[in-house]
C-alpha atoms as a PDB file:
ATOM      1  CA  MET A   1       3.533  -8.636   1.012  1.00  0.00           C
ATOM      2  CA  ILE A   2       4.078  -5.145   2.354  1.00  0.00           C
ATOM      3  CA  LYS A   3       5.057  -4.169   5.884  1.00  0.00           C
ATOM      4  CA  VAL A   4       2.829  -1.606   7.601  1.00  0.00           C
ATOM      5  CA  THR A   5       2.444  -0.375  11.181  1.00  0.00           C
ATOM      6  CA  LYS A   6      -0.624  -0.462  13.424  1.00  0.00           C
ATOM      7  CA  LEU A   7      -1.441   2.641  15.450  1.00  0.00           C
ATOM      8  CA  ASN A   8      -0.041   0.911  18.567  1.00  0.00           C
ATOM      9  CA  GLY A   9       3.380   0.702  16.881  1.00  0.00           C
ATOM     10  CA  LYS A  10       3.354  -3.004  16.016  1.00  0.00           C
ATOM     11  CA  SER A  11       4.265  -3.795  12.435  1.00  0.00           C
ATOM     12  CA  PHE A  12       2.706  -6.549  10.353  1.00  0.00           C
ATOM     13  CA  MET A  13       2.703  -7.838   6.805  1.00  0.00           C
ATOM     14  CA  ILE A  14      -0.316  -7.558   4.534  1.00  0.00           C
ATOM     15  CA  ASN A  15      -0.841  -9.125   1.119  1.00  0.00           C
ATOM     16  CA  SER A  16      -1.156  -6.132  -1.172  1.00  0.00           C
ATOM     17  CA  LEU A  17      -2.801  -8.224  -3.879  1.00  0.00           C
ATOM     18  CA  PHE A  18      -5.947  -8.277  -1.723  1.00  0.00           C
ATOM     19  CA  ILE A  19      -6.119  -4.524  -1.051  1.00  0.00           C
ATOM     20  CA  GLU A  20      -9.315  -3.029  -2.442  1.00  0.00           C
ATOM     21  CA  THR A  21      -9.127   0.538  -1.108  1.00  0.00           C
ATOM     22  CA  ILE A  22      -6.842   2.843   0.854  1.00  0.00           C
ATOM     23  CA  GLU A  23      -8.544   5.804   2.533  1.00  0.00           C
ATOM     24  CA  ALA A  24      -7.765   8.444   5.153  1.00  0.00           C
ATOM     25  CA  PHE A  25     -10.423   9.049   7.824  1.00  0.00           C
ATOM     26  CA  PRO A  26      -7.970  10.869   8.902  1.00  0.00           C
ATOM     27  CA  ASP A  27      -6.048   7.686   9.840  1.00  0.00           C
ATOM     28  CA  THR A  28      -5.112   5.555   6.873  1.00  0.00           C
ATOM     29  CA  THR A  29      -7.554   2.657   6.540  1.00  0.00           C
ATOM     30  CA  ILE A  30      -6.794  -0.283   4.261  1.00  0.00           C
ATOM     31  CA  THR A  31      -9.793  -2.368   3.177  1.00  0.00           C
ATOM     32  CA  LEU A  32      -9.205  -5.839   1.755  1.00  0.00           C
ATOM     33  CA  THR A  33     -11.349  -7.609  -0.805  1.00  0.00           C
ATOM     34  CA  ASN A  34     -12.829  -9.772   1.974  1.00  0.00           C
ATOM     35  CA  GLY A  35     -14.062  -6.672   3.845  1.00  0.00           C
ATOM     36  CA  ARG A  36     -11.459  -6.672   6.629  1.00  0.00           C
ATOM     37  CA  LYS A  37     -10.136  -3.242   7.540  1.00  0.00           C
ATOM     38  CA  TYR A  38      -6.770  -2.257   8.981  1.00  0.00           C
ATOM     39  CA  VAL A  39      -5.858   1.164  10.350  1.00  0.00           C
ATOM     40  CA  VAL A  40      -2.174   1.966   9.869  1.00  0.00           C
ATOM     41  CA  ARG A  41       0.291   4.750  10.638  1.00  0.00           C
ATOM     42  CA  GLU A  42       1.568   5.079   7.068  1.00  0.00           C
ATOM     43  CA  SER A  43      -0.025   7.685   4.810  1.00  0.00           C
ATOM     44  CA  GLU A  44      -2.079   6.754   1.743  1.00  0.00           C
ATOM     45  CA  LYS A  45       0.819   7.845  -0.446  1.00  0.00           C
ATOM     46  CA  ASP A  46       3.336   5.740   1.510  1.00  0.00           C
ATOM     47  CA  VAL A  47       1.134   2.652   1.252  1.00  0.00           C
ATOM     48  CA  ALA A  48       0.738   3.220  -2.497  1.00  0.00           C
ATOM     49  CA  ILE A  49       4.537   3.455  -2.850  1.00  0.00           C
ATOM     50  CA  LEU A  50       4.987   0.216  -0.878  1.00  0.00           C
ATOM     51  CA  ILE A  51       2.470  -1.510  -3.155  1.00  0.00           C
ATOM     52  CA  LYS A  52       4.209  -0.258  -6.317  1.00  0.00           C
ATOM     53  CA  GLU A  53       7.580  -1.423  -5.003  1.00  0.00           C
ATOM     54  CA  TYR A  54       6.123  -4.840  -4.178  1.00  0.00           C
ATOM     55  CA  TYR A  55       4.540  -5.190  -7.622  1.00  0.00           C
ATOM     56  CA  GLN A  56       7.874  -4.273  -9.212  1.00  0.00           C
ATOM     57  CA  SER A  57       9.711  -6.839  -7.077  1.00  0.00           C
ATOM     58  CA  ILE A  58       7.466  -9.660  -8.296  1.00  0.00           C
ATOM     59  CA  GLY A  59       7.399  -8.465 -11.906  1.00  0.00           C
ATOM     60  CA  LEU A  60       3.803  -7.202 -12.093  1.00  0.00           C
ATOM     61  CA  MET A  61       4.888  -3.654 -12.967  1.00  0.00           C
ATOM     62  CA  GLY A  62       7.910  -2.453 -14.856  1.00  0.00           C
ATOM     63  CA  GLY A  63      10.127   0.127 -13.152  1.00  0.00           C
ATOM     64  CA  ARG A  64      10.452   2.232 -16.273  1.00  0.00           C
ATOM     65  CA  LEU A  65       6.688   2.690 -16.608  1.00  0.00           C
ATOM     66  CA  LEU A  66       6.465   3.854 -12.994  1.00  0.00           C
ATOM     67  CA  GLU A  67       9.297   6.355 -13.488  1.00  0.00           C
ATOM     68  CA  GLU A  68       7.464   7.842 -16.491  1.00  0.00           C
ATOM     69  CA  ARG A  69       4.224   8.189 -14.487  1.00  0.00           C
ATOM     70  CA  ASP A  70       6.045   9.814 -11.545  1.00  0.00           C
ATOM     71  CA  HIS A  71       7.457  12.465 -13.889  1.00  0.00           C
ATOM     72  CA  GLU A  72       3.980  13.183 -15.280  1.00  0.00           C
ATOM     73  CA  GLU A  73       2.588  13.951 -11.799  1.00  0.00           C
END
C-alpha cells in the first residue's frame, strides 16, 4: 500500500498492485485495474517512486537493480 493525497488534502492508502496507469491531465490521475480513478496531489514521478519503494519493501524488486536503472536515466 502507498499513501497518496487527494486534492482536498486528505491522505489515503491505495494498493499499488492494482494500479494500471498513472497519468497527468494536468492533475495526476491513478487508474486501477477495476477502472476506478483517483486524482492525487503527488506527481507521476512521485507516485512511481512510492510504488518502487513499496515493491522493494515486500521483496518484489531488488534495491540494487533500481539503483542501476536510476543511474542509467
